[in-house]
Amino acid sequence: MNQHQSPIDVYFSQSLGKLQFVLSELENTCLKELRTAIEVMVNSVRNGGRILICGNGGSAADSQHFAGELVATFSKDIKRPAISAIALPNDVATMTAYANDFSYLEVFSRQVEAHGRTGDTLLCISTSGTSVNVLNAAKQGRTLGLSVVSISGNSSVTLAELSDVAIVIPSIETPTIQNAYQFLIHVLCFGIESTLGYYEASHTSQTKSTNS
């Protein structure tokens, strides 16, 4: 460490370098899977289904983030119908009741059983790819006929093997993986809105307004 650099300077530089490397690799490692995941989710939406999302800790927050973008809107420049999306970690009462009376390992799979229907999509987010309650949710989703999409790091293939579409971030470091989540979630949101035609509809509406 340079004697003029503080620990914060070093951490910033190292973390930035790792994130830049991972982001530069995503086109080769994740783009195909991102496109497929978008197609799967759009298919659920078009057929009146919903998107369920689960994860622990930071991944729970990412679940909420993704659901919020879909129910509200990703782009403030368009007007569109709400997209049905449920972040399973949001239901604190159900999670704590089931965890207290039975097991935390089934808090997500229980909600998938309650809310999931054939044709829905379940997005599982796990930095390690080994979170047992997320794996159980994926198994329940497959049993019920949901399409299972996952986002994880590359330290384990366990979650990926349970997924119809696995988006695997080329890193084993939790902070780097979580930083990449934000980018990938925004790509998914844009892809869903774009594929559903909302950007084209918004452009057409703006053109008509301008020409009227």
Protein backbone atom coordinates (compact mmCIF):
# COMPACT_ATOMS: atom_id res chain seq x y z
CA MET A 1 0.00 0.00 0.00
CA ASN A 2 1.30 3.43 -0.92
CA GLN A 3 2.11 5.32 2.27
CA HIS A 4 -0.14 8.14 1.10
CA GLN A 5 -3.13 5.81 0.53
CA SER A 6 -5.60 5.17 3.29
CA PRO A 7 -7.27 1.77 3.72
CA ILE A 8 -10.38 3.32 2.21
CA ASP A 9 -8.41 4.38 -0.89
CA VAL A 10 -7.03 0.88 -1.29
CA TYR A 11 -10.41 -0.78 -0.80
CA PHE A 12 -12.04 1.61 -3.26
CA SER A 13 -9.43 0.96 -5.95
CA GLN A 14 -9.42 -2.79 -5.49
CA SER A 15 -13.21 -3.06 -5.41
CA LEU A 16 -13.56 -0.84 -8.46
CA GLY A 17 -11.07 -2.96 -10.36
CA LYS A 18 -12.88 -6.17 -9.50
CA LEU A 19 -16.26 -4.73 -10.45
CA GLN A 20 -14.95 -3.35 -13.74
CA PHE A 21 -13.53 -6.76 -14.61
CA VAL A 22 -16.76 -8.57 -13.81
CA LEU A 23 -18.88 -6.07 -15.73
CA SER A 24 -16.57 -6.40 -18.73
CA GLU A 25 -17.09 -10.18 -18.65
CA LEU A 26 -20.89 -10.15 -18.39
CA GLU A 27 -21.50 -9.83 -22.12
CA ASN A 28 -19.68 -13.10 -22.72
CA THR A 29 -20.93 -14.94 -19.64
CA CYS A 30 -24.48 -13.69 -19.02
CA LEU A 31 -26.04 -11.90 -22.00
CA LYS A 32 -27.52 -15.01 -23.62
CA GLU A 33 -29.03 -16.08 -20.32
CA LEU A 34 -30.35 -12.57 -19.65
CA ARG A 35 -32.18 -12.58 -22.97
CA THR A 36 -33.68 -15.98 -22.23
CA ALA A 37 -34.70 -14.90 -18.71
CA ILE A 38 -36.45 -11.85 -20.14
CA GLU A 39 -38.33 -14.04 -22.63
CA VAL A 40 -39.41 -16.38 -19.83
CA MET A 41 -40.65 -13.55 -17.60
CA VAL A 42 -42.43 -11.77 -20.45
CA ASN A 43 -44.16 -15.02 -21.35
CA SER A 44 -45.45 -15.28 -17.78
CA VAL A 45 -46.71 -11.68 -17.84
CA ARG A 46 -48.40 -12.05 -21.23
CA ASN A 47 -50.25 -15.12 -20.02
CA GLY A 48 -51.58 -13.44 -16.89
CA GLY A 49 -48.95 -14.87 -14.57
CA ARG A 50 -46.73 -13.23 -12.02
CA ILE A 51 -43.10 -13.08 -11.05
CA LEU A 52 -42.07 -14.26 -7.57
CA ILE A 53 -38.65 -13.31 -6.21
CA CYS A 54 -36.72 -14.61 -3.21
CA GLY A 55 -33.35 -14.20 -1.52
CA ASN A 56 -31.74 -13.63 1.88
CA GLY A 57 -30.08 -10.53 3.32
CA GLY A 58 -28.79 -8.34 0.51
CA SER A 59 -30.52 -10.63 -1.97
CA ALA A 60 -33.78 -10.01 -0.12
CA ALA A 61 -33.26 -6.29 -0.72
CA ASP A 62 -32.58 -7.03 -4.39
CA SER A 63 -35.82 -9.02 -4.49
CA GLN A 64 -37.67 -5.97 -3.21
CA HIS A 65 -35.86 -3.73 -5.67
CA PHE A 66 -36.82 -5.88 -8.66
CA ALA A 67 -40.44 -6.26 -7.57
CA GLY A 68 -40.71 -2.51 -6.99
CA GLU A 69 -39.46 -1.70 -10.47
CA LEU A 70 -42.02 -4.06 -12.02
CA VAL A 71 -45.05 -3.08 -9.97
CA ALA A 72 -44.28 0.65 -10.23
CA THR A 73 -42.22 1.24 -13.37
CA PHE A 74 -38.58 1.05 -14.34
CA SER A 75 -38.69 4.01 -16.70
CA LYS A 76 -40.53 7.09 -15.49
CA ASP A 77 -40.92 8.17 -19.12
CA ILE A 78 -43.52 5.53 -19.92
CA LYS A 79 -47.03 4.78 -18.75
CA ARG A 80 -47.87 1.11 -18.55
CA PRO A 81 -50.05 -1.35 -16.63
CA ALA A 82 -48.60 -2.72 -13.41
CA ILE A 83 -46.71 -6.01 -13.67
CA SER A 84 -47.55 -8.51 -10.95
CA ALA A 85 -44.41 -9.24 -8.93
CA ILE A 86 -44.06 -10.38 -5.33
CA ALA A 87 -40.87 -10.16 -3.30
CA LEU A 88 -41.31 -13.09 -0.92
CA PRO A 89 -39.01 -11.63 1.79
CA ASN A 90 -41.50 -8.76 2.18
CA ASP A 91 -44.02 -10.91 4.04
CA VAL A 92 -42.40 -10.70 7.47
CA ALA A 93 -45.44 -12.04 9.32
CA THR A 94 -45.62 -15.20 7.22
CA MET A 95 -41.87 -15.74 7.27
CA THR A 96 -41.48 -15.34 11.00
CA ALA A 97 -44.59 -17.39 11.76
CA TYR A 98 -43.43 -20.29 9.63
CA ALA A 99 -39.82 -20.05 10.79
CA ASN A 100 -40.88 -19.96 14.43
CA ASP A 101 -43.37 -22.82 14.21
CA PHE A 102 -41.62 -25.00 11.64
CA SER A 103 -38.38 -24.08 9.88
CA TYR A 104 -36.65 -21.14 8.26
CA LEU A 105 -35.54 -23.51 5.53
CA GLU A 106 -39.04 -23.53 4.01
CA VAL A 107 -40.07 -19.88 4.42
CA PHE A 108 -39.81 -19.26 0.67
CA SER A 109 -40.98 -22.63 -0.61
CA ARG A 110 -44.11 -22.28 1.52
CA GLN A 111 -44.91 -18.96 -0.14
CA VAL A 112 -44.20 -20.41 -3.58
CA GLU A 113 -46.72 -23.14 -2.74
CA ALA A 114 -49.25 -20.47 -1.71
CA HIS A 115 -48.78 -17.96 -4.53
CA GLY A 116 -47.17 -19.80 -7.42
CA ARG A 117 -49.14 -21.12 -10.35
CA THR A 118 -48.13 -23.01 -13.46
CA GLY A 119 -46.73 -20.51 -15.93
CA ASP A 120 -45.43 -18.07 -13.31
CA THR A 121 -41.73 -17.30 -13.00
CA LEU A 122 -39.68 -17.64 -9.83
CA LEU A 123 -36.48 -15.59 -9.64
CA CYS A 124 -34.06 -16.97 -7.06
CA ILE A 125 -31.21 -14.69 -5.98
CA SER A 126 -28.34 -16.20 -4.00
CA THR A 127 -24.79 -14.89 -3.88
CA SER A 128 -23.42 -18.30 -2.92
CA GLY A 129 -25.91 -20.35 -4.91
CA THR A 130 -26.26 -22.64 -1.88
CA SER A 131 -28.83 -20.94 0.39
CA VAL A 132 -31.02 -23.85 1.46
CA ASN A 133 -34.29 -21.93 1.68
CA VAL A 134 -33.71 -20.54 -1.82
CA LEU A 135 -32.88 -24.02 -3.15
CA ASN A 136 -36.08 -25.33 -1.57
CA ALA A 137 -38.05 -22.55 -3.24
CA ALA A 138 -36.55 -23.51 -6.60
CA LYS A 139 -37.49 -27.16 -6.04
CA GLN A 140 -41.04 -26.19 -5.09
CA GLY A 141 -41.28 -23.95 -8.13
CA ARG A 142 -40.27 -26.76 -10.45
CA THR A 143 -42.76 -29.10 -8.80
CA LEU A 144 -45.59 -26.63 -9.38
CA GLY A 145 -44.65 -25.89 -12.99
CA LEU A 146 -43.09 -22.45 -12.53
CA SER A 147 -40.17 -21.38 -14.66
CA VAL A 148 -37.15 -20.98 -12.38
CA VAL A 149 -34.60 -18.25 -13.13
CA SER A 150 -31.61 -17.71 -10.87
CA ILE A 151 -28.87 -15.13 -10.35
CA SER A 152 -25.80 -16.17 -8.37
CA GLY A 153 -22.04 -16.08 -8.17
CA ASN A 154 -19.95 -18.89 -9.61
CA SER A 155 -18.77 -20.58 -6.41
CA SER A 156 -21.40 -23.33 -6.70
CA VAL A 157 -23.60 -24.87 -9.40
CA THR A 158 -26.25 -26.13 -6.98
CA LEU A 159 -28.81 -23.40 -7.66
CA ALA A 160 -27.95 -23.24 -11.36
CA GLU A 161 -28.74 -26.93 -11.73
CA LEU A 162 -32.22 -26.36 -10.31
CA SER A 163 -32.88 -23.46 -12.71
CA ASP A 164 -34.37 -23.32 -16.18
CA VAL A 165 -32.23 -20.24 -16.75
CA ALA A 166 -29.12 -19.58 -14.65
CA ILE A 167 -27.43 -16.17 -14.76
CA VAL A 168 -24.03 -16.78 -13.20
CA ILE A 169 -21.85 -13.80 -12.31
CA PRO A 170 -18.16 -14.60 -12.85
CA SER A 171 -17.05 -13.95 -9.28
CA ILE A 172 -16.95 -15.64 -5.87
CA GLU A 173 -16.70 -12.42 -3.84
CA THR A 174 -19.96 -11.35 -2.24
CA PRO A 175 -19.56 -7.54 -2.54
CA THR A 176 -18.62 -7.78 -6.22
CA ILE A 177 -21.50 -10.12 -6.98
CA GLN A 178 -23.96 -7.86 -5.17
CA ASN A 179 -22.70 -4.81 -7.06
CA ALA A 180 -23.27 -6.66 -10.32
CA TYR A 181 -26.83 -7.54 -9.23
CA GLN A 182 -27.91 -3.93 -9.58
CA PHE A 183 -26.80 -3.77 -13.19
CA LEU A 184 -28.38 -7.12 -14.09
CA ILE A 185 -31.68 -6.28 -12.41
CA HIS A 186 -31.91 -3.06 -14.39
CA VAL A 187 -31.19 -4.94 -17.63
CA LEU A 188 -33.98 -7.38 -16.77
CA CYS A 189 -36.39 -4.51 -16.03
CA PHE A 190 -35.56 -2.71 -19.28
CA GLY A 191 -35.79 -5.94 -21.22
CA ILE A 192 -39.21 -6.80 -19.83
CA GLU A 193 -40.67 -3.34 -20.50
CA SER A 194 -39.06 -3.17 -23.92
CA THR A 195 -40.16 -6.65 -25.02
CA LEU A 196 -43.71 -5.92 -23.90
CA GLY A 197 -43.66 -2.94 -26.28
CA TYR A 198 -44.05 -0.16 -23.75
CA TYR A 199 -41.16 1.94 -25.04
CA GLU A 200 -42.49 1.77 -28.59
CA ALA A 201 -46.00 2.65 -27.38
CA SER A 202 -44.64 5.58 -25.38
CA HIS A 203 -42.70 6.87 -28.39
CA THR A 204 -45.81 6.60 -30.58
CA SER A 205 -47.90 8.45 -28.00
CA GLN A 206 -45.31 11.22 -27.71
CA THR A 207 -45.13 11.53 -31.50
CA LYS A 208 -48.91 11.86 -31.79
CA SER A 209 -48.92 14.48 -29.04
CA THR A 210 -46.19 16.44 -30.79
CA ASN A 211 -47.93 16.31 -34.15
CA SER A 212 -51.38 17.19 -32.84
